[in-house]
Amino acid sequence: MRRALFLMVCSLLVIFVACKKSTEDFQTATINDYNPLVPGKYITYTLDSIVTVNFGQSLVTNSYQVRFVVDAEITDNLGRKAFRIIRYIRKTSANPWAPDNTFMAVPTENGMEFIENNLRYVKLKTPIRDGYTWKGNTYIDTYSLNSNLKYLNDWDYSFDSLDLPAKVGALTIDSTLRVMQRDEIIGDPSNPNSYSERNVGIEKYARGIGLIYRRFLHTEYQPPTPGHPGAYADGTYGVTLTMIDHN
């Protein structure tokens, strides 16, 4: 009888330890771990902006410094808790900061929405684990007949390189995650006589800091026609943000 009782107790202990380990193994980080939102928090970046010139015949890169500052806790138009973020810009560190844009971040029950130029992106979503995917552009009109954002349709965002160190500019960050959004080539960009399109979206977040790197690129090249040279279409642009400082 005592032997049977002893074996039963041992079995219960094994089950308890196994369940505890299983629970610990499946615990995931929170959105706030990688995107803390507190009024007064800021991150400073170098901004490389790709734009068209010469009536779309060429692309050039303009460089600036920008600082994103969490200005205040507010509510969005649905009454949800949100944070107003103000972007300041300057050409170099010798110039004064000037505000030039305002954004909104909305922490939700299982994600983080970011509103930029009236476009709502689902930037992060739980559970945070390698390989998890979601439709990050689902709230953007990519399907209407007159939409000029069709290239954003059906993007699958996914986590990879979770909780790994990363080098960003001159900085090495201990714990980061990467969100792959898109890496697409349509046509042959090296052929100036054919249509081509390029879409790239990558973001990196650091634990306890927030967004530390962003690369976005959309190019649409129209080949030459009689009387018109080849050119990049309106809406072609690129943005690269690389963190240089934060508080």
C-alpha atoms as a PDB file:
ATOM      1  CA  MET A   1       0.000   0.000   0.000  1.00  0.00           C
ATOM      2  CA  ARG A   2       2.810   2.394   0.967  1.00  0.00           C
ATOM      3  CA  ARG A   3       4.687   1.476  -2.217  1.00  0.00           C
ATOM      4  CA  ALA A   4       1.608   2.230  -4.354  1.00  0.00           C
ATOM      5  CA  LEU A   5       1.126   5.574  -2.558  1.00  0.00           C
ATOM      6  CA  PHE A   6       4.806   6.440  -3.098  1.00  0.00           C
ATOM      7  CA  LEU A   7       4.563   5.661  -6.817  1.00  0.00           C
ATOM      8  CA  MET A   8       1.428   7.768  -7.167  1.00  0.00           C
ATOM      9  CA  VAL A   9       3.090  10.766  -5.471  1.00  0.00           C
ATOM     10  CA  CYS A  10       6.136  10.416  -7.736  1.00  0.00           C
ATOM     11  CA  SER A  11       3.902  10.305 -10.810  1.00  0.00           C
ATOM     12  CA  LEU A  12       2.060  13.446  -9.743  1.00  0.00           C
ATOM     13  CA  LEU A  13       5.373  15.250  -9.202  1.00  0.00           C
ATOM     14  CA  VAL A  14       6.591  14.274 -12.676  1.00  0.00           C
ATOM     15  CA  ILE A  15       3.339  15.498 -14.238  1.00  0.00           C
ATOM     16  CA  PHE A  16       3.529  18.780 -12.289  1.00  0.00           C
ATOM     17  CA  VAL A  17       7.128  19.455 -13.316  1.00  0.00           C
ATOM     18  CA  ALA A  18       6.385  18.566 -16.944  1.00  0.00           C
ATOM     19  CA  CYS A  19       3.344  20.848 -17.040  1.00  0.00           C
ATOM     20  CA  LYS A  20       5.284  23.686 -15.428  1.00  0.00           C
ATOM     21  CA  LYS A  21       8.125  23.297 -17.938  1.00  0.00           C
ATOM     22  CA  SER A  22       5.654  23.153 -20.830  1.00  0.00           C
ATOM     23  CA  THR A  23       3.999  26.360 -19.634  1.00  0.00           C
ATOM     24  CA  GLU A  24       7.367  28.085 -19.305  1.00  0.00           C
ATOM     25  CA  ASP A  25       8.447  26.891 -22.754  1.00  0.00           C
ATOM     26  CA  PHE A  26       5.381  28.435 -24.373  1.00  0.00           C
ATOM     27  CA  GLN A  27       5.550  31.787 -22.618  1.00  0.00           C
ATOM     28  CA  THR A  28       6.114  34.578 -25.141  1.00  0.00           C
ATOM     29  CA  ALA A  29       7.210  38.174 -24.945  1.00  0.00           C
ATOM     30  CA  THR A  30       4.625  40.942 -24.869  1.00  0.00           C
ATOM     31  CA  ILE A  31       4.183  43.766 -27.358  1.00  0.00           C
ATOM     32  CA  ASN A  32       5.175  46.241 -24.647  1.00  0.00           C
ATOM     33  CA  ASP A  33       8.517  44.429 -24.230  1.00  0.00           C
ATOM     34  CA  TYR A  34       9.507  45.384 -27.760  1.00  0.00           C
ATOM     35  CA  ASN A  35       7.503  48.579 -28.196  1.00  0.00           C
ATOM     36  CA  PRO A  36       7.225  50.433 -24.887  1.00  0.00           C
ATOM     37  CA  LEU A  37       4.983  53.491 -25.113  1.00  0.00           C
ATOM     38  CA  VAL A  38       5.499  56.095 -22.403  1.00  0.00           C
ATOM     39  CA  PRO A  39       5.023  59.862 -22.809  1.00  0.00           C
ATOM     40  CA  GLY A  40       8.436  61.482 -23.097  1.00  0.00           C
ATOM     41  CA  LYS A  41      10.131  58.483 -24.672  1.00  0.00           C
ATOM     42  CA  TYR A  42      12.005  59.187 -27.903  1.00  0.00           C
ATOM     43  CA  ILE A  43      14.123  57.425 -30.513  1.00  0.00           C
ATOM     44  CA  THR A  44      16.412  59.282 -32.932  1.00  0.00           C
ATOM     45  CA  TYR A  45      17.201  57.901 -36.382  1.00  0.00           C
ATOM     46  CA  THR A  46      19.066  58.689 -39.529  1.00  0.00           C
ATOM     47  CA  LEU A  47      16.488  58.920 -42.298  1.00  0.00           C
ATOM     48  CA  ASP A  48      17.411  58.051 -45.867  1.00  0.00           C
ATOM     49  CA  SER A  49      14.561  59.044 -48.159  1.00  0.00           C
ATOM     50  CA  ILE A  50      14.446  57.840 -51.773  1.00  0.00           C
ATOM     51  CA  VAL A  51      12.511  60.087 -54.155  1.00  0.00           C
ATOM     52  CA  THR A  52      12.158  60.525 -57.895  1.00  0.00           C
ATOM     53  CA  VAL A  53      13.699  63.439 -59.835  1.00  0.00           C
ATOM     54  CA  ASN A  54      13.864  64.544 -63.480  1.00  0.00           C
ATOM     55  CA  PHE A  55      10.206  63.684 -64.056  1.00  0.00           C
ATOM     56  CA  GLY A  56      10.696  60.195 -62.647  1.00  0.00           C
ATOM     57  CA  GLN A  57      13.721  59.307 -64.744  1.00  0.00           C
ATOM     58  CA  SER A  58      16.062  59.014 -61.741  1.00  0.00           C
ATOM     59  CA  LEU A  59      16.061  58.129 -58.061  1.00  0.00           C
ATOM     60  CA  VAL A  60      18.008  60.088 -55.453  1.00  0.00           C
ATOM     61  CA  THR A  61      18.527  59.610 -51.713  1.00  0.00           C
ATOM     62  CA  ASN A  62      18.173  62.533 -49.297  1.00  0.00           C
ATOM     63  CA  SER A  63      19.429  62.102 -45.727  1.00  0.00           C
ATOM     64  CA  TYR A  64      18.149  63.685 -42.524  1.00  0.00           C
ATOM     65  CA  GLN A  65      17.900  63.069 -38.810  1.00  0.00           C
ATOM     66  CA  VAL A  66      14.467  62.460 -37.293  1.00  0.00           C
ATOM     67  CA  ARG A  67      13.277  61.981 -33.727  1.00  0.00           C
ATOM     68  CA  PHE A  68      10.025  60.219 -32.845  1.00  0.00           C
ATOM     69  CA  VAL A  69       8.708  61.430 -29.484  1.00  0.00           C
ATOM     70  CA  VAL A  70       5.795  59.855 -27.599  1.00  0.00           C
ATOM     71  CA  ASP A  71       3.948  63.081 -26.866  1.00  0.00           C
ATOM     72  CA  ALA A  72       0.875  62.072 -24.861  1.00  0.00           C
ATOM     73  CA  GLU A  73      -1.629  59.350 -24.071  1.00  0.00           C
ATOM     74  CA  ILE A  74      -4.889  59.999 -25.934  1.00  0.00           C
ATOM     75  CA  THR A  75      -7.877  58.059 -27.301  1.00  0.00           C
ATOM     76  CA  ASP A  76      -8.491  57.181 -30.938  1.00  0.00           C
ATOM     77  CA  ASN A  77     -11.774  57.661 -32.823  1.00  0.00           C
ATOM     78  CA  LEU A  78     -13.002  54.319 -31.444  1.00  0.00           C
ATOM     79  CA  GLY A  79     -12.401  55.425 -27.872  1.00  0.00           C
ATOM     80  CA  ARG A  80      -9.383  53.163 -27.439  1.00  0.00           C
ATOM     81  CA  LYS A  81      -6.256  54.051 -25.501  1.00  0.00           C
ATOM     82  CA  ALA A  82      -3.645  55.445 -27.884  1.00  0.00           C
ATOM     83  CA  PHE A  83      -0.465  57.488 -27.952  1.00  0.00           C
ATOM     84  CA  ARG A  84       0.273  60.555 -30.062  1.00  0.00           C
ATOM     85  CA  ILE A  85       3.756  60.484 -31.574  1.00  0.00           C
ATOM     86  CA  ILE A  86       5.357  63.617 -33.001  1.00  0.00           C
ATOM     87  CA  ARG A  87       8.191  63.413 -35.496  1.00  0.00           C
ATOM     88  CA  TYR A  88      10.859  66.105 -35.478  1.00  0.00           C
ATOM     89  CA  ILE A  89      13.306  66.556 -38.342  1.00  0.00           C
ATOM     90  CA  ARG A  90      16.598  68.309 -39.060  1.00  0.00           C
ATOM     91  CA  LYS A  91      19.161  68.108 -41.820  1.00  0.00           C
ATOM     92  CA  THR A  92      22.182  67.595 -39.536  1.00  0.00           C
ATOM     93  CA  SER A  93      22.959  67.755 -35.820  1.00  0.00           C
ATOM     94  CA  ALA A  94      23.969  71.401 -36.322  1.00  0.00           C
ATOM     95  CA  ASN A  95      20.382  72.331 -37.192  1.00  0.00           C
ATOM     96  CA  PRO A  96      17.462  72.820 -34.753  1.00  0.00           C
ATOM     97  CA  TRP A  97      14.671  70.277 -34.539  1.00  0.00           C
ATOM     98  CA  ALA A  98      11.392  71.142 -36.244  1.00  0.00           C
ATOM     99  CA  PRO A  99       8.116  69.149 -35.962  1.00  0.00           C
ATOM    100  CA  ASP A 100       6.962  67.857 -39.337  1.00  0.00           C
ATOM    101  CA  ASN A 101       4.474  65.007 -38.804  1.00  0.00           C
ATOM    102  CA  THR A 102       2.206  63.331 -36.262  1.00  0.00           C
ATOM    103  CA  PHE A 103       1.393  59.636 -35.909  1.00  0.00           C
ATOM    104  CA  MET A 104      -0.665  57.476 -33.567  1.00  0.00           C
ATOM    105  CA  ALA A 105       0.172  54.163 -31.922  1.00  0.00           C
ATOM    106  CA  VAL A 106      -2.702  52.068 -30.584  1.00  0.00           C
ATOM    107  CA  PRO A 107      -1.883  49.128 -28.298  1.00  0.00           C
ATOM    108  CA  THR A 108      -4.662  46.559 -28.689  1.00  0.00           C
ATOM    109  CA  GLU A 109      -5.466  43.375 -26.806  1.00  0.00           C
ATOM    110  CA  ASN A 110      -3.235  41.296 -29.072  1.00  0.00           C
ATOM    111  CA  GLY A 111      -1.207  43.734 -31.134  1.00  0.00           C
ATOM    112  CA  MET A 112      -0.056  47.241 -31.938  1.00  0.00           C
ATOM    113  CA  GLU A 113      -1.566  49.412 -34.651  1.00  0.00           C
ATOM    114  CA  PHE A 114       0.311  52.367 -36.128  1.00  0.00           C
ATOM    115  CA  ILE A 115      -1.521  55.105 -38.017  1.00  0.00           C
ATOM    116  CA  GLU A 116       0.622  56.948 -40.549  1.00  0.00           C
ATOM    117  CA  ASN A 117      -0.807  59.382 -43.112  1.00  0.00           C
ATOM    118  CA  ASN A 118      -4.309  58.038 -42.330  1.00  0.00           C
ATOM    119  CA  LEU A 119      -3.190  54.464 -43.064  1.00  0.00           C
ATOM    120  CA  ARG A 120      -3.561  51.913 -40.273  1.00  0.00           C
ATOM    121  CA  TYR A 121      -0.941  49.171 -40.116  1.00  0.00           C
ATOM    122  CA  VAL A 122      -0.881  46.225 -37.700  1.00  0.00           C
ATOM    123  CA  LYS A 123       2.824  46.439 -36.961  1.00  0.00           C
ATOM    124  CA  LEU A 124       3.078  43.824 -34.198  1.00  0.00           C
ATOM    125  CA  LYS A 125       0.831  41.001 -33.080  1.00  0.00           C
ATOM    126  CA  THR A 126       0.907  38.276 -30.452  1.00  0.00           C
ATOM    127  CA  PRO A 127       1.992  35.612 -29.944  1.00  0.00           C
ATOM    128  CA  ILE A 128       5.547  36.804 -30.524  1.00  0.00           C
ATOM    129  CA  ARG A 129       7.302  33.710 -31.791  1.00  0.00           C
ATOM    130  CA  ASP A 130       9.399  32.722 -34.781  1.00  0.00           C
ATOM    131  CA  GLY A 131       7.314  32.030 -37.861  1.00  0.00           C
ATOM    132  CA  TYR A 132       4.076  33.606 -36.644  1.00  0.00           C
ATOM    133  CA  THR A 133       2.363  35.496 -39.495  1.00  0.00           C
ATOM    134  CA  TRP A 134      -0.482  37.982 -39.846  1.00  0.00           C
ATOM    135  CA  LYS A 135      -1.961  40.358 -42.444  1.00  0.00           C
ATOM    136  CA  GLY A 136      -0.361  43.653 -41.495  1.00  0.00           C
ATOM    137  CA  ASN A 137      -2.077  45.801 -44.136  1.00  0.00           C
ATOM    138  CA  THR A 138      -5.581  44.427 -43.693  1.00  0.00           C
ATOM    139  CA  TYR A 139      -7.102  47.838 -42.803  1.00  0.00           C
ATOM    140  CA  ILE A 140      -5.692  49.584 -45.893  1.00  0.00           C
ATOM    141  CA  ASP A 141      -7.802  50.022 -49.025  1.00  0.00           C
ATOM    142  CA  THR A 142      -5.783  48.085 -51.584  1.00  0.00           C
ATOM    143  CA  TYR A 143      -8.750  46.783 -53.553  1.00  0.00           C
ATOM    144  CA  SER A 144     -10.855  49.761 -54.690  1.00  0.00           C
ATOM    145  CA  LEU A 145     -10.743  50.546 -58.389  1.00  0.00           C
ATOM    146  CA  ASN A 146      -9.013  53.899 -57.837  1.00  0.00           C
ATOM    147  CA  SER A 147      -6.717  52.777 -55.018  1.00  0.00           C
ATOM    148  CA  ASN A 148      -3.078  53.724 -55.588  1.00  0.00           C
ATOM    149  CA  LEU A 149      -1.975  51.328 -52.834  1.00  0.00           C
ATOM    150  CA  LYS A 150      -2.641  48.032 -54.571  1.00  0.00           C
ATOM    151  CA  TYR A 151       0.997  47.065 -54.084  1.00  0.00           C
ATOM    152  CA  LEU A 152       0.301  46.776 -50.326  1.00  0.00           C
ATOM    153  CA  ASN A 153      -2.311  44.081 -50.850  1.00  0.00           C
ATOM    154  CA  ASP A 154      -2.097  40.767 -48.970  1.00  0.00           C
ATOM    155  CA  TRP A 155       1.255  41.350 -47.282  1.00  0.00           C
ATOM    156  CA  ASP A 156       2.141  38.604 -44.802  1.00  0.00           C
ATOM    157  CA  TYR A 157       4.054  40.005 -41.832  1.00  0.00           C
ATOM    158  CA  SER A 158       6.091  37.404 -39.926  1.00  0.00           C
ATOM    159  CA  PHE A 159       8.445  37.242 -36.958  1.00  0.00           C
ATOM    160  CA  ASP A 160      11.919  35.836 -37.363  1.00  0.00           C
ATOM    161  CA  SER A 161      15.325  36.198 -35.681  1.00  0.00           C
ATOM    162  CA  LEU A 162      13.565  36.444 -32.323  1.00  0.00           C
ATOM    163  CA  ASP A 163      15.487  37.535 -29.210  1.00  0.00           C
ATOM    164  CA  LEU A 164      18.820  37.747 -31.061  1.00  0.00           C
ATOM    165  CA  PRO A 165      21.515  40.449 -30.993  1.00  0.00           C
ATOM    166  CA  ALA A 166      21.687  42.732 -34.023  1.00  0.00           C
ATOM    167  CA  LYS A 167      23.976  45.451 -35.287  1.00  0.00           C
ATOM    168  CA  VAL A 168      22.131  48.606 -36.310  1.00  0.00           C
ATOM    169  CA  GLY A 169      24.371  51.318 -37.686  1.00  0.00           C
ATOM    170  CA  ALA A 170      27.150  51.779 -35.140  1.00  0.00           C
ATOM    171  CA  LEU A 171      25.107  50.171 -32.341  1.00  0.00           C
ATOM    172  CA  THR A 172      24.907  46.543 -31.224  1.00  0.00           C
ATOM    173  CA  ILE A 173      21.609  45.658 -29.561  1.00  0.00           C
ATOM    174  CA  ASP A 174      21.348  42.594 -27.289  1.00  0.00           C
ATOM    175  CA  SER A 175      17.777  41.401 -27.807  1.00  0.00           C
ATOM    176  CA  THR A 176      15.886  42.134 -31.023  1.00  0.00           C
ATOM    177  CA  LEU A 177      13.221  40.701 -33.272  1.00  0.00           C
ATOM    178  CA  ARG A 178      12.710  41.163 -36.994  1.00  0.00           C
ATOM    179  CA  VAL A 179       9.399  41.575 -38.783  1.00  0.00           C
ATOM    180  CA  MET A 180       9.585  40.555 -42.424  1.00  0.00           C
ATOM    181  CA  GLN A 181       6.797  42.217 -44.383  1.00  0.00           C
ATOM    182  CA  ARG A 182       7.670  41.868 -48.064  1.00  0.00           C
ATOM    183  CA  ASP A 183      10.554  41.125 -50.404  1.00  0.00           C
ATOM    184  CA  GLU A 184       9.189  41.101 -53.924  1.00  0.00           C
ATOM    185  CA  ILE A 185      10.525  41.708 -57.417  1.00  0.00           C
ATOM    186  CA  ILE A 186       8.225  41.824 -60.426  1.00  0.00           C
ATOM    187  CA  GLY A 187       9.829  41.897 -63.854  1.00  0.00           C
ATOM    188  CA  ASP A 188      13.490  42.701 -64.454  1.00  0.00           C
ATOM    189  CA  PRO A 189      14.650  45.962 -62.795  1.00  0.00           C
ATOM    190  CA  SER A 190      17.959  45.746 -64.683  1.00  0.00           C
ATOM    191  CA  ASN A 191      16.195  46.007 -68.058  1.00  0.00           C
ATOM    192  CA  PRO A 192      15.298  49.666 -68.866  1.00  0.00           C
ATOM    193  CA  ASN A 193      12.986  48.534 -71.658  1.00  0.00           C
ATOM    194  CA  SER A 194      10.599  46.456 -69.556  1.00  0.00           C
ATOM    195  CA  TYR A 195       8.139  47.034 -66.717  1.00  0.00           C
ATOM    196  CA  SER A 196       9.373  46.255 -63.216  1.00  0.00           C
ATOM    197  CA  GLU A 197       8.271  46.662 -59.632  1.00  0.00           C
ATOM    198  CA  ARG A 198      10.095  46.273 -56.321  1.00  0.00           C
ATOM    199  CA  ASN A 199       8.476  46.015 -52.887  1.00  0.00           C
ATOM    200  CA  VAL A 200      10.460  45.666 -49.670  1.00  0.00           C
ATOM    201  CA  GLY A 201       9.347  45.919 -46.050  1.00  0.00           C
ATOM    202  CA  ILE A 202      11.528  45.046 -43.033  1.00  0.00           C
ATOM    203  CA  GLU A 203      11.397  46.278 -39.443  1.00  0.00           C
ATOM    204  CA  LYS A 204      13.483  45.473 -36.366  1.00  0.00           C
ATOM    205  CA  TYR A 205      12.491  46.060 -32.758  1.00  0.00           C
ATOM    206  CA  ALA A 206      14.653  45.935 -29.625  1.00  0.00           C
ATOM    207  CA  ARG A 207      13.530  44.791 -26.218  1.00  0.00           C
ATOM    208  CA  GLY A 208      13.000  47.776 -23.937  1.00  0.00           C
ATOM    209  CA  ILE A 209      13.571  50.283 -26.783  1.00  0.00           C
ATOM    210  CA  GLY A 210      11.135  49.903 -29.695  1.00  0.00           C
ATOM    211  CA  LEU A 211      11.650  50.282 -33.438  1.00  0.00           C
ATOM    212  CA  ILE A 212      15.372  50.415 -34.192  1.00  0.00           C
ATOM    213  CA  TYR A 213      15.387  49.858 -37.959  1.00  0.00           C
ATOM    214  CA  ARG A 214      12.947  50.166 -40.812  1.00  0.00           C
ATOM    215  CA  ARG A 215      13.381  49.713 -44.541  1.00  0.00           C
ATOM    216  CA  PHE A 216      10.528  50.315 -46.918  1.00  0.00           C
ATOM    217  CA  LEU A 217      10.803  50.532 -50.696  1.00  0.00           C
ATOM    218  CA  HIS A 218       8.233  50.682 -53.461  1.00  0.00           C
ATOM    219  CA  THR A 219       9.337  51.305 -57.022  1.00  0.00           C
ATOM    220  CA  GLU A 220       7.295  51.005 -60.183  1.00  0.00           C
ATOM    221  CA  TYR A 221       9.142  51.515 -63.451  1.00  0.00           C
ATOM    222  CA  GLN A 222       7.323  52.168 -66.727  1.00  0.00           C
ATOM    223  CA  PRO A 223       9.357  51.384 -69.885  1.00  0.00           C
ATOM    224  CA  PRO A 224       9.784  53.945 -72.674  1.00  0.00           C
ATOM    225  CA  THR A 225       7.103  54.455 -75.285  1.00  0.00           C
ATOM    226  CA  PRO A 226       7.347  56.449 -78.536  1.00  0.00           C
ATOM    227  CA  GLY A 227       8.040  60.048 -77.563  1.00  0.00           C
ATOM    228  CA  HIS A 228       8.368  59.277 -73.830  1.00  0.00           C
ATOM    229  CA  PRO A 229      11.425  58.016 -71.973  1.00  0.00           C
ATOM    230  CA  GLY A 230      11.219  55.300 -69.335  1.00  0.00           C
ATOM    231  CA  ALA A 231      10.361  56.635 -65.869  1.00  0.00           C
ATOM    232  CA  TYR A 232       9.390  55.677 -62.356  1.00  0.00           C
ATOM    233  CA  ALA A 233       5.682  56.066 -61.663  1.00  0.00           C
ATOM    234  CA  ASP A 234       4.192  58.486 -59.140  1.00  0.00           C
ATOM    235  CA  GLY A 235       4.181  56.899 -55.695  1.00  0.00           C
ATOM    236  CA  THR A 236       7.672  55.457 -56.051  1.00  0.00           C
ATOM    237  CA  TYR A 237       9.559  56.095 -52.810  1.00  0.00           C
ATOM    238  CA  GLY A 238      11.717  54.531 -50.154  1.00  0.00           C
ATOM    239  CA  VAL A 239      12.443  55.097 -46.460  1.00  0.00           C
ATOM    240  CA  THR A 240      15.225  53.713 -44.293  1.00  0.00           C
ATOM    241  CA  LEU A 241      15.298  54.499 -40.562  1.00  0.00           C
ATOM    242  CA  THR A 242      18.399  53.539 -38.549  1.00  0.00           C
ATOM    243  CA  MET A 243      18.454  54.262 -34.817  1.00  0.00           C
ATOM    244  CA  ILE A 244      21.310  56.412 -33.527  1.00  0.00           C
ATOM    245  CA  ASP A 245      19.992  57.384 -30.074  1.00  0.00           C
ATOM    246  CA  HIS A 246      17.171  56.835 -27.567  1.00  0.00           C
ATOM    247  CA  ASN A 247      16.253  57.562 -23.988  1.00  0.00           C
END
